[in-house]
Amino acid sequence: MKRMDGNTVGVENGETVLFTDFEDGGEMWTGTGERERRQRISFSTPFKFPPTVQVSLSLWDVDAGTVMRGDLVSENIAEEGFDIVFKTWGDTRFARARVAWLAIGQLPREDDWDLY
């Protein structure tokens, strides 16, 4: 569990289109086997420490003729941002995906000392 000082908690959220591969025949729509998409998200203001980040699919458009397989995670979480990573495999055909995200963490105080 992370403990944060109540008056320095920051919450930031957003939504991003990760891919729309059906429009141009991209690999998430036409490929098979292991496939991956990454997108870096930058926070509007850096957190004091790496925040807790939650990601979720807010839109998924998948071919009904294949098994839906997907793995969505946040990686490389830092004070300035994080990576959204979506993976699929087998014969799954994803036409498009949109991801919503939420970051909660401690913000630096104006009177914090920077000793480095």
Protein backbone atom coordinates (compact mmCIF):
# COMPACT_ATOMS: atom_id res chain seq x y z
CA MET A 1 0.00 0.00 0.00
CA LYS A 2 1.23 3.47 -0.83
CA ARG A 3 0.74 6.16 1.80
CA MET A 4 0.44 9.74 0.59
CA ASP A 5 0.16 13.06 2.33
CA GLY A 6 -3.49 14.09 1.75
CA ASN A 7 -2.82 17.61 0.49
CA THR A 8 -0.32 16.58 -2.19
CA VAL A 9 -2.24 13.81 -3.96
CA GLY A 10 -2.49 14.19 -7.73
CA VAL A 11 -4.96 12.44 -10.01
CA GLU A 12 -4.66 12.55 -13.79
CA ASN A 13 -6.62 10.60 -16.37
CA GLY A 14 -6.99 10.37 -20.10
CA GLU A 15 -7.96 8.29 -23.08
CA THR A 16 -6.03 7.45 -26.23
CA VAL A 17 -6.67 5.53 -29.44
CA LEU A 18 -4.01 2.82 -29.45
CA PHE A 19 -4.58 1.63 -33.02
CA THR A 20 -7.10 1.52 -35.88
CA ASP A 21 -5.57 -1.24 -38.00
CA PHE A 22 -8.68 -2.09 -40.03
CA GLU A 23 -8.33 1.26 -41.87
CA ASP A 24 -4.92 0.49 -43.36
CA GLY A 25 -4.56 -3.30 -43.09
CA GLY A 26 -2.27 -3.11 -40.05
CA GLU A 27 -0.88 -6.18 -38.32
CA MET A 28 -3.39 -6.23 -35.44
CA TRP A 29 -6.13 -6.74 -38.06
CA THR A 30 -4.35 -8.79 -40.72
CA GLY A 31 -1.54 -10.53 -38.80
CA THR A 32 -1.34 -13.72 -36.78
CA GLY A 33 0.82 -14.86 -33.91
CA GLU A 34 2.25 -12.58 -31.23
CA ARG A 35 1.72 -8.86 -31.86
CA GLU A 36 2.25 -5.82 -29.66
CA ARG A 37 1.49 -2.09 -29.60
CA ARG A 38 3.04 0.45 -27.23
CA GLN A 39 2.27 4.09 -26.62
CA ARG A 40 4.06 6.46 -24.22
CA ILE A 41 1.82 8.68 -22.09
CA SER A 42 3.32 11.84 -20.55
CA PHE A 43 1.76 13.42 -17.47
CA SER A 44 0.94 17.14 -17.54
CA THR A 45 2.86 17.56 -14.25
CA PRO A 46 5.43 15.09 -12.92
CA PHE A 47 4.58 13.19 -9.75
CA LYS A 48 7.01 13.13 -6.80
CA PHE A 49 7.33 9.33 -7.09
CA PRO A 50 6.05 6.88 -9.72
CA PRO A 51 2.24 6.87 -9.34
CA THR A 52 -0.18 3.99 -9.38
CA VAL A 53 -1.54 3.61 -12.93
CA GLN A 54 -4.68 1.77 -14.02
CA VAL A 55 -5.45 1.07 -17.69
CA SER A 56 -8.61 -0.35 -19.26
CA LEU A 57 -10.06 -0.87 -22.72
CA SER A 58 -12.70 1.77 -23.36
CA LEU A 59 -13.33 0.59 -26.95
CA TRP A 60 -12.47 -2.71 -28.58
CA ASP A 61 -13.50 -3.75 -32.04
CA VAL A 62 -12.74 -7.42 -32.64
CA ASP A 63 -13.53 -9.86 -35.44
CA ALA A 64 -16.37 -12.15 -34.29
CA GLY A 65 -14.93 -15.05 -36.29
CA THR A 66 -11.86 -15.46 -34.06
CA VAL A 67 -11.19 -15.96 -30.37
CA MET A 68 -10.70 -12.66 -28.54
CA ARG A 69 -7.28 -12.70 -26.88
CA GLY A 70 -5.68 -9.61 -25.41
CA ASP A 71 -3.38 -8.45 -22.65
CA LEU A 72 -3.35 -4.77 -21.59
CA VAL A 73 -0.83 -3.46 -19.03
CA SER A 74 1.02 -0.32 -17.98
CA GLU A 75 4.83 -0.56 -17.99
CA ASN A 76 7.84 1.69 -17.35
CA ILE A 77 5.89 3.81 -14.88
CA ALA A 78 7.89 6.88 -13.89
CA GLU A 79 7.26 10.32 -12.41
CA GLU A 80 6.85 11.80 -15.92
CA GLY A 81 4.75 9.12 -17.62
CA PHE A 82 4.26 5.45 -18.52
CA ASP A 83 3.83 3.05 -21.45
CA ILE A 84 0.52 1.48 -22.45
CA VAL A 85 1.21 -2.02 -23.80
CA PHE A 86 -1.37 -4.14 -25.62
CA LYS A 87 -0.58 -7.66 -26.82
CA THR A 88 -2.55 -10.24 -28.75
CA TRP A 89 -1.68 -13.63 -30.25
CA GLY A 90 -2.99 -16.53 -32.27
CA ASP A 91 -5.55 -15.71 -34.96
CA THR A 92 -7.23 -12.88 -32.99
CA ARG A 93 -8.11 -9.92 -35.24
CA PHE A 94 -8.35 -6.54 -33.49
CA ALA A 95 -9.65 -3.77 -35.75
CA ARG A 96 -9.15 -0.96 -33.22
CA ALA A 97 -8.66 -0.25 -29.55
CA ARG A 98 -9.01 2.79 -27.32
CA VAL A 99 -7.52 2.81 -23.81
CA ALA A 100 -8.59 4.83 -20.76
CA TRP A 101 -6.01 5.44 -18.01
CA LEU A 102 -5.88 6.83 -14.48
CA ALA A 103 -2.78 7.80 -12.48
CA ILE A 104 -2.86 8.54 -8.74
CA GLY A 105 0.20 9.57 -6.77
CA GLN A 106 1.96 12.07 -4.58
CA LEU A 107 2.85 15.45 -6.04
CA PRO A 108 5.92 17.42 -5.03
CA ARG A 109 5.35 20.32 -2.63
CA GLU A 110 6.49 23.81 -3.45
CA ASP A 111 8.72 23.79 -0.36
CA ASP A 112 10.36 20.39 -1.09
CA TRP A 113 14.13 20.57 -1.21
CA ASP A 114 15.95 19.09 -4.17
CA LEU A 115 19.22 17.74 -2.75
CA TYR A 116 20.52 16.38 -6.06
